[in-house]
Amino acid sequence: MQFKKYTILTFTMILAVACQSKAKSTKVDHESAIKEIKTDATQQDLSQYEKAYFASGCFWCVEAIFESVKGVQEVVSGYAGGNEKDPTYKQVANGQTSHAESVKVYYNPKVISFTALVQVFFGSHDPTSLNRQGPDRGPQYRSVAFYKNEQEKTIIEAYIGALVDQKIYDEDPITTQVVEFTKFYDAEDYHQDYERKNPNNSYIRNVSIPRLNRFKANFQDFLKEDSH
């Protein structure tokens, strides 16, 4: 595991990139030890918040990372980037659709900007790992930054340009897709807040929590008070 310190002049901030290991590993069965849990997101009025969409591997991991960030009110796990209607977890996880495991981030732009969310996105996974994050392999685990308008697209592309110009990843090309957002499908209820509600699950202990802790160590200024 490598951590790199760097300065992004475009955004005038010093950040850290936590790169996922590229060591060989086997695919983890996310369906093991799952129990149905109702999501809290359906019980909130989230109409006042802006939304952003990202994909960077297992949505259990990505959801937990964004939920630790100040200014983020709620994160929903789901599926995006594909053409199939109403995909199921089994279909997506088995690579039977063109969707990626994704998250929908509800955030307060008065507290955190879309630019900062892009920094969180790139700083919490390895954007050079094609169709893979950690032990999870396949296009359903690809890196995608979705944009809803030209301003968001410009921010994402400018950030990628800064990473490339400063050679943050040396010779490794960034494989993150920059894709116009079309449709997000909420994942099944039991996937929501899965890391928090299932701390003893083996995948959570061995993959999700270590990934979250690496992010927290490098982005302390971004964290909510109760996430330190």
C-alpha atoms as a PDB file:
ATOM      1  CA  MET A   1       0.000   0.000   0.000  1.00  0.00           C
ATOM      2  CA  GLN A   2       1.430   3.348  -1.053  1.00  0.00           C
ATOM      3  CA  PHE A   3       0.411   6.774   0.138  1.00  0.00           C
ATOM      4  CA  LYS A   4       1.632   9.827  -1.746  1.00  0.00           C
ATOM      5  CA  LYS A   5       1.675  13.447  -0.631  1.00  0.00           C
ATOM      6  CA  TYR A   6       1.114  16.014  -3.352  1.00  0.00           C
ATOM      7  CA  THR A   7       0.020  19.575  -4.073  1.00  0.00           C
ATOM      8  CA  ILE A   8      -2.799  20.257  -6.498  1.00  0.00           C
ATOM      9  CA  LEU A   9      -2.137  23.803  -7.662  1.00  0.00           C
ATOM     10  CA  THR A  10      -5.390  23.932  -9.600  1.00  0.00           C
ATOM     11  CA  PHE A  11      -7.360  23.647  -6.367  1.00  0.00           C
ATOM     12  CA  THR A  12      -4.751  25.174  -3.993  1.00  0.00           C
ATOM     13  CA  MET A  13      -4.940  22.285  -1.535  1.00  0.00           C
ATOM     14  CA  ILE A  14      -2.531  19.664  -0.235  1.00  0.00           C
ATOM     15  CA  LEU A  15      -4.086  16.230  -0.432  1.00  0.00           C
ATOM     16  CA  ALA A  16      -3.060  12.617  -0.071  1.00  0.00           C
ATOM     17  CA  VAL A  17      -3.832   9.728  -2.374  1.00  0.00           C
ATOM     18  CA  ALA A  18      -4.462   6.342  -0.832  1.00  0.00           C
ATOM     19  CA  CYS A  19      -3.807   3.829  -3.577  1.00  0.00           C
ATOM     20  CA  GLN A  20      -5.414   0.441  -3.391  1.00  0.00           C
ATOM     21  CA  SER A  21      -3.112  -2.566  -3.502  1.00  0.00           C
ATOM     22  CA  LYS A  22      -2.739  -4.237  -6.895  1.00  0.00           C
ATOM     23  CA  ALA A  23      -1.798  -7.596  -5.420  1.00  0.00           C
ATOM     24  CA  LYS A  24      -3.690 -10.598  -6.707  1.00  0.00           C
ATOM     25  CA  SER A  25      -6.708 -11.647  -4.695  1.00  0.00           C
ATOM     26  CA  THR A  26      -9.941 -13.516  -5.128  1.00  0.00           C
ATOM     27  CA  LYS A  27     -13.402 -12.060  -5.606  1.00  0.00           C
ATOM     28  CA  VAL A  28     -15.390 -11.731  -2.410  1.00  0.00           C
ATOM     29  CA  ASP A  29     -18.986 -12.911  -2.235  1.00  0.00           C
ATOM     30  CA  HIS A  30     -20.888  -9.884  -0.936  1.00  0.00           C
ATOM     31  CA  GLU A  31     -24.027 -11.913  -0.444  1.00  0.00           C
ATOM     32  CA  SER A  32     -22.604 -13.894   2.458  1.00  0.00           C
ATOM     33  CA  ALA A  33     -23.936 -13.147   5.931  1.00  0.00           C
ATOM     34  CA  ILE A  34     -26.384 -10.517   4.623  1.00  0.00           C
ATOM     35  CA  LYS A  35     -29.568  -9.658   6.460  1.00  0.00           C
ATOM     36  CA  GLU A  36     -32.234  -7.236   5.315  1.00  0.00           C
ATOM     37  CA  ILE A  37     -32.105  -3.810   6.924  1.00  0.00           C
ATOM     38  CA  LYS A  38     -34.320  -0.877   6.027  1.00  0.00           C
ATOM     39  CA  THR A  39     -32.521   2.269   4.896  1.00  0.00           C
ATOM     40  CA  ASP A  40     -32.772   5.544   6.789  1.00  0.00           C
ATOM     41  CA  ALA A  41     -32.599   7.522   3.540  1.00  0.00           C
ATOM     42  CA  THR A  42     -36.268   6.882   2.783  1.00  0.00           C
ATOM     43  CA  GLN A  43     -37.247   8.490   6.098  1.00  0.00           C
ATOM     44  CA  GLN A  44     -35.537  11.830   5.455  1.00  0.00           C
ATOM     45  CA  ASP A  45     -36.499  14.926   3.494  1.00  0.00           C
ATOM     46  CA  LEU A  46     -33.449  15.317   1.277  1.00  0.00           C
ATOM     47  CA  SER A  47     -34.963  17.711  -1.259  1.00  0.00           C
ATOM     48  CA  GLN A  48     -32.865  20.645  -0.026  1.00  0.00           C
ATOM     49  CA  TYR A  49     -29.544  18.922  -0.789  1.00  0.00           C
ATOM     50  CA  GLU A  50     -27.510  18.704  -3.971  1.00  0.00           C
ATOM     51  CA  LYS A  51     -26.665  15.283  -5.390  1.00  0.00           C
ATOM     52  CA  ALA A  52     -23.432  13.859  -6.773  1.00  0.00           C
ATOM     53  CA  TYR A  53     -22.728  10.405  -8.149  1.00  0.00           C
ATOM     54  CA  PHE A  54     -19.563   8.305  -8.064  1.00  0.00           C
ATOM     55  CA  ALA A  55     -18.402   4.716  -8.546  1.00  0.00           C
ATOM     56  CA  SER A  56     -15.113   3.382  -7.166  1.00  0.00           C
ATOM     57  CA  GLY A  57     -15.485  -0.260  -6.265  1.00  0.00           C
ATOM     58  CA  CYS A  58     -17.703  -1.924  -3.673  1.00  0.00           C
ATOM     59  CA  PHE A  59     -20.474   0.497  -2.750  1.00  0.00           C
ATOM     60  CA  TRP A  60     -20.333  -0.607   0.882  1.00  0.00           C
ATOM     61  CA  CYS A  61     -16.848   0.940   1.054  1.00  0.00           C
ATOM     62  CA  VAL A  62     -17.635   4.062  -0.957  1.00  0.00           C
ATOM     63  CA  GLU A  63     -20.821   4.798   0.974  1.00  0.00           C
ATOM     64  CA  ALA A  64     -18.993   4.662   4.315  1.00  0.00           C
ATOM     65  CA  ILE A  65     -16.238   6.981   3.072  1.00  0.00           C
ATOM     66  CA  PHE A  66     -18.572   9.705   1.840  1.00  0.00           C
ATOM     67  CA  GLU A  67     -20.781   9.443   4.919  1.00  0.00           C
ATOM     68  CA  SER A  68     -17.749  10.350   7.060  1.00  0.00           C
ATOM     69  CA  VAL A  69     -17.333  13.672   5.208  1.00  0.00           C
ATOM     70  CA  LYS A  70     -18.681  16.900   6.678  1.00  0.00           C
ATOM     71  CA  GLY A  71     -21.389  18.515   4.588  1.00  0.00           C
ATOM     72  CA  VAL A  72     -22.666  15.138   3.411  1.00  0.00           C
ATOM     73  CA  GLN A  73     -26.132  14.418   4.758  1.00  0.00           C
ATOM     74  CA  GLU A  74     -26.831  10.987   3.271  1.00  0.00           C
ATOM     75  CA  VAL A  75     -25.287   8.456   0.893  1.00  0.00           C
ATOM     76  CA  VAL A  76     -27.274   5.808  -0.956  1.00  0.00           C
ATOM     77  CA  SER A  77     -25.751   2.695  -2.512  1.00  0.00           C
ATOM     78  CA  GLY A  78     -27.000   1.761  -5.939  1.00  0.00           C
ATOM     79  CA  TYR A  79     -26.298   1.164  -9.602  1.00  0.00           C
ATOM     80  CA  ALA A  80     -25.513   3.594 -12.430  1.00  0.00           C
ATOM     81  CA  GLY A  81     -23.712   3.898 -15.733  1.00  0.00           C
ATOM     82  CA  GLY A  82     -25.567   1.120 -17.524  1.00  0.00           C
ATOM     83  CA  ASN A  83     -28.514   0.677 -19.849  1.00  0.00           C
ATOM     84  CA  GLU A  84     -30.567  -2.012 -18.120  1.00  0.00           C
ATOM     85  CA  LYS A  85     -33.682  -0.961 -16.210  1.00  0.00           C
ATOM     86  CA  ASP A  86     -34.195  -1.920 -12.566  1.00  0.00           C
ATOM     87  CA  PRO A  87     -31.012  -3.961 -12.136  1.00  0.00           C
ATOM     88  CA  THR A  88     -30.647  -6.250  -9.143  1.00  0.00           C
ATOM     89  CA  TYR A  89     -27.571  -6.762  -7.001  1.00  0.00           C
ATOM     90  CA  LYS A  90     -27.169 -10.317  -8.237  1.00  0.00           C
ATOM     91  CA  GLN A  91     -27.213  -9.158 -11.861  1.00  0.00           C
ATOM     92  CA  VAL A  92     -24.741  -6.330 -11.311  1.00  0.00           C
ATOM     93  CA  ALA A  93     -22.370  -8.276  -9.061  1.00  0.00           C
ATOM     94  CA  ASN A  94     -22.249 -11.147 -11.546  1.00  0.00           C
ATOM     95  CA  GLY A  95     -21.407  -8.805 -14.421  1.00  0.00           C
ATOM     96  CA  GLN A  96     -24.719  -9.399 -16.179  1.00  0.00           C
ATOM     97  CA  THR A  97     -25.382  -5.676 -16.710  1.00  0.00           C
ATOM     98  CA  SER A  98     -23.420  -2.640 -17.888  1.00  0.00           C
ATOM     99  CA  HIS A  99     -23.977  -0.859 -14.555  1.00  0.00           C
ATOM    100  CA  ALA A 100     -21.343  -0.118 -11.913  1.00  0.00           C
ATOM    101  CA  GLU A 101     -21.836  -0.264  -8.164  1.00  0.00           C
ATOM    102  CA  SER A 102     -22.270   3.422  -7.387  1.00  0.00           C
ATOM    103  CA  VAL A 103     -23.300   5.891  -4.711  1.00  0.00           C
ATOM    104  CA  LYS A 104     -25.621   8.865  -4.643  1.00  0.00           C
ATOM    105  CA  VAL A 105     -24.270  11.581  -2.348  1.00  0.00           C
ATOM    106  CA  TYR A 106     -26.635  14.152  -0.830  1.00  0.00           C
ATOM    107  CA  TYR A 107     -24.570  17.153   0.218  1.00  0.00           C
ATOM    108  CA  ASN A 108     -24.904  20.740   1.402  1.00  0.00           C
ATOM    109  CA  PRO A 109     -22.979  22.972  -1.067  1.00  0.00           C
ATOM    110  CA  LYS A 110     -22.721  25.652   1.635  1.00  0.00           C
ATOM    111  CA  VAL A 111     -20.550  23.265   3.639  1.00  0.00           C
ATOM    112  CA  ILE A 112     -18.760  21.224   0.999  1.00  0.00           C
ATOM    113  CA  SER A 113     -18.321  21.897  -2.704  1.00  0.00           C
ATOM    114  CA  PHE A 114     -18.555  19.508  -5.633  1.00  0.00           C
ATOM    115  CA  THR A 115     -14.825  20.106  -6.144  1.00  0.00           C
ATOM    116  CA  ALA A 116     -14.133  18.823  -2.628  1.00  0.00           C
ATOM    117  CA  LEU A 117     -16.271  15.743  -3.288  1.00  0.00           C
ATOM    118  CA  VAL A 118     -14.168  15.059  -6.392  1.00  0.00           C
ATOM    119  CA  GLN A 119     -11.067  15.293  -4.200  1.00  0.00           C
ATOM    120  CA  VAL A 120     -12.607  12.789  -1.787  1.00  0.00           C
ATOM    121  CA  PHE A 121     -13.437  10.492  -4.699  1.00  0.00           C
ATOM    122  CA  PHE A 122      -9.922  10.445  -6.153  1.00  0.00           C
ATOM    123  CA  GLY A 123      -8.260  10.368  -2.744  1.00  0.00           C
ATOM    124  CA  SER A 124     -10.155   7.310  -1.541  1.00  0.00           C
ATOM    125  CA  HIS A 125      -9.439   4.788  -4.303  1.00  0.00           C
ATOM    126  CA  ASP A 126      -6.953   3.880  -7.011  1.00  0.00           C
ATOM    127  CA  PRO A 127      -8.091   5.550 -10.256  1.00  0.00           C
ATOM    128  CA  THR A 128      -5.401   3.717 -12.241  1.00  0.00           C
ATOM    129  CA  SER A 129      -6.810   0.262 -11.463  1.00  0.00           C
ATOM    130  CA  LEU A 130      -8.884  -0.721 -14.504  1.00  0.00           C
ATOM    131  CA  ASN A 131     -12.152  -2.482 -13.652  1.00  0.00           C
ATOM    132  CA  ARG A 132     -10.968  -3.339 -10.175  1.00  0.00           C
ATOM    133  CA  GLN A 133     -10.735  -2.055  -6.607  1.00  0.00           C
ATOM    134  CA  GLY A 134      -9.104  -4.172  -3.937  1.00  0.00           C
ATOM    135  CA  PRO A 135     -10.322  -7.772  -4.214  1.00  0.00           C
ATOM    136  CA  ASP A 136     -13.279  -6.910  -6.452  1.00  0.00           C
ATOM    137  CA  ARG A 137     -12.808  -7.358 -10.185  1.00  0.00           C
ATOM    138  CA  GLY A 138     -14.940  -6.639 -13.224  1.00  0.00           C
ATOM    139  CA  PRO A 139     -16.400  -3.565 -14.982  1.00  0.00           C
ATOM    140  CA  GLN A 140     -19.100  -3.408 -12.303  1.00  0.00           C
ATOM    141  CA  TYR A 141     -16.320  -2.153  -9.981  1.00  0.00           C
ATOM    142  CA  ARG A 142     -14.871   0.408 -12.403  1.00  0.00           C
ATOM    143  CA  SER A 143     -13.985   3.972 -11.467  1.00  0.00           C
ATOM    144  CA  VAL A 144     -16.543   6.509 -12.690  1.00  0.00           C
ATOM    145  CA  ALA A 145     -17.055  10.197 -11.925  1.00  0.00           C
ATOM    146  CA  PHE A 146     -20.520  11.169 -13.119  1.00  0.00           C
ATOM    147  CA  TYR A 147     -21.401  14.747 -14.060  1.00  0.00           C
ATOM    148  CA  LYS A 148     -24.847  16.344 -14.239  1.00  0.00           C
ATOM    149  CA  ASN A 149     -23.794  19.489 -16.114  1.00  0.00           C
ATOM    150  CA  GLU A 150     -20.864  21.069 -17.953  1.00  0.00           C
ATOM    151  CA  GLN A 151     -19.562  22.769 -14.803  1.00  0.00           C
ATOM    152  CA  GLU A 152     -19.209  19.447 -12.998  1.00  0.00           C
ATOM    153  CA  LYS A 153     -17.589  17.905 -16.078  1.00  0.00           C
ATOM    154  CA  THR A 154     -15.048  20.742 -16.203  1.00  0.00           C
ATOM    155  CA  ILE A 155     -14.201  20.301 -12.507  1.00  0.00           C
ATOM    156  CA  ILE A 156     -13.636  16.548 -12.889  1.00  0.00           C
ATOM    157  CA  GLU A 157     -11.532  16.890 -16.029  1.00  0.00           C
ATOM    158  CA  ALA A 158      -9.477  19.729 -14.532  1.00  0.00           C
ATOM    159  CA  TYR A 159      -8.739  17.620 -11.461  1.00  0.00           C
ATOM    160  CA  ILE A 160      -7.663  14.664 -13.577  1.00  0.00           C
ATOM    161  CA  GLY A 161      -5.490  17.041 -15.598  1.00  0.00           C
ATOM    162  CA  ALA A 162      -3.826  18.287 -12.425  1.00  0.00           C
ATOM    163  CA  LEU A 163      -3.116  14.724 -11.276  1.00  0.00           C
ATOM    164  CA  VAL A 164      -1.562  13.927 -14.653  1.00  0.00           C
ATOM    165  CA  ASP A 165       0.465  17.148 -14.879  1.00  0.00           C
ATOM    166  CA  GLN A 166       1.950  16.592 -11.448  1.00  0.00           C
ATOM    167  CA  LYS A 167       2.617  12.911 -12.191  1.00  0.00           C
ATOM    168  CA  ILE A 168       0.883  11.770  -9.030  1.00  0.00           C
ATOM    169  CA  TYR A 169       0.621   8.235 -10.354  1.00  0.00           C
ATOM    170  CA  ASP A 170       3.987   8.202 -12.125  1.00  0.00           C
ATOM    171  CA  GLU A 171       3.587   6.192 -15.327  1.00  0.00           C
ATOM    172  CA  ASP A 172       0.226   4.615 -14.457  1.00  0.00           C
ATOM    173  CA  PRO A 173      -2.586   6.060 -16.598  1.00  0.00           C
ATOM    174  CA  ILE A 174      -5.783   7.184 -14.876  1.00  0.00           C
ATOM    175  CA  THR A 175      -8.612   4.923 -16.038  1.00  0.00           C
ATOM    176  CA  THR A 176     -11.500   6.784 -14.378  1.00  0.00           C
ATOM    177  CA  GLN A 177     -14.418   7.280 -16.732  1.00  0.00           C
ATOM    178  CA  VAL A 178     -16.000  10.741 -16.877  1.00  0.00           C
ATOM    179  CA  VAL A 179     -19.617  10.004 -17.765  1.00  0.00           C
ATOM    180  CA  GLU A 180     -22.749  12.098 -18.065  1.00  0.00           C
ATOM    181  CA  PHE A 181     -25.237  11.053 -15.414  1.00  0.00           C
ATOM    182  CA  THR A 182     -28.496   9.572 -16.655  1.00  0.00           C
ATOM    183  CA  LYS A 183     -30.147   7.283 -14.114  1.00  0.00           C
ATOM    184  CA  PHE A 184     -29.435   5.933 -10.635  1.00  0.00           C
ATOM    185  CA  TYR A 185     -31.141   2.851  -9.227  1.00  0.00           C
ATOM    186  CA  ASP A 186     -31.155   2.454  -5.450  1.00  0.00           C
ATOM    187  CA  ALA A 187     -29.706  -0.847  -4.303  1.00  0.00           C
ATOM    188  CA  GLU A 188     -31.751  -3.243  -2.206  1.00  0.00           C
ATOM    189  CA  ASP A 189     -32.499  -2.053   1.332  1.00  0.00           C
ATOM    190  CA  TYR A 190     -30.061  -4.422   3.026  1.00  0.00           C
ATOM    191  CA  HIS A 191     -27.119  -2.768   1.245  1.00  0.00           C
ATOM    192  CA  GLN A 192     -27.764   0.670   2.752  1.00  0.00           C
ATOM    193  CA  ASP A 193     -25.417   1.612   5.631  1.00  0.00           C
ATOM    194  CA  TYR A 194     -24.099  -1.915   5.368  1.00  0.00           C
ATOM    195  CA  GLU A 195     -20.660  -1.233   6.824  1.00  0.00           C
ATOM    196  CA  ARG A 196     -22.056   0.521   9.890  1.00  0.00           C
ATOM    197  CA  LYS A 197     -24.703  -2.124  10.537  1.00  0.00           C
ATOM    198  CA  ASN A 198     -22.542  -5.171   9.859  1.00  0.00           C
ATOM    199  CA  PRO A 199     -19.136  -4.465  11.465  1.00  0.00           C
ATOM    200  CA  ASN A 200     -18.408  -8.157  12.008  1.00  0.00           C
ATOM    201  CA  ASN A 201     -18.885  -9.193   8.392  1.00  0.00           C
ATOM    202  CA  SER A 202     -15.543 -10.574   7.135  1.00  0.00           C
ATOM    203  CA  TYR A 203     -15.483  -8.349   4.033  1.00  0.00           C
ATOM    204  CA  ILE A 204     -16.223  -5.296   6.153  1.00  0.00           C
ATOM    205  CA  ARG A 205     -13.459  -6.139   8.648  1.00  0.00           C
ATOM    206  CA  ASN A 206     -10.822  -7.010   6.048  1.00  0.00           C
ATOM    207  CA  VAL A 207     -11.583  -4.609   3.187  1.00  0.00           C
ATOM    208  CA  SER A 208     -14.082  -1.846   3.959  1.00  0.00           C
ATOM    209  CA  ILE A 209     -12.872  -0.695   7.376  1.00  0.00           C
ATOM    210  CA  PRO A 210      -9.159  -0.626   6.409  1.00  0.00           C
ATOM    211  CA  ARG A 211     -10.054   1.385   3.294  1.00  0.00           C
ATOM    212  CA  LEU A 212     -12.120   3.830   5.355  1.00  0.00           C
ATOM    213  CA  ASN A 213      -9.340   4.211   7.927  1.00  0.00           C
ATOM    214  CA  ARG A 214      -6.770   4.962   5.207  1.00  0.00           C
ATOM    215  CA  PHE A 215      -9.035   7.690   3.906  1.00  0.00           C
ATOM    216  CA  LYS A 216      -9.563   9.166   7.377  1.00  0.00           C
ATOM    217  CA  ALA A 217      -5.835   9.246   8.057  1.00  0.00           C
ATOM    218  CA  ASN A 218      -5.215  11.372   4.969  1.00  0.00           C
ATOM    219  CA  PHE A 219      -8.316  13.576   4.948  1.00  0.00           C
ATOM    220  CA  GLN A 220      -8.758  14.567   8.578  1.00  0.00           C
ATOM    221  CA  ASP A 221      -9.837  18.106   7.683  1.00  0.00           C
ATOM    222  CA  PHE A 222     -12.739  16.716   5.668  1.00  0.00           C
ATOM    223  CA  LEU A 223     -14.202  14.573   8.421  1.00  0.00           C
ATOM    224  CA  LYS A 224     -17.297  15.109  10.529  1.00  0.00           C
ATOM    225  CA  GLU A 225     -16.613  15.541  14.243  1.00  0.00           C
ATOM    226  CA  ASP A 226     -17.958  12.087  15.084  1.00  0.00           C
ATOM    227  CA  SER A 227     -15.920  10.446  12.289  1.00  0.00           C
ATOM    228  CA  HIS A 228     -12.448  11.128  13.701  1.00  0.00           C
END
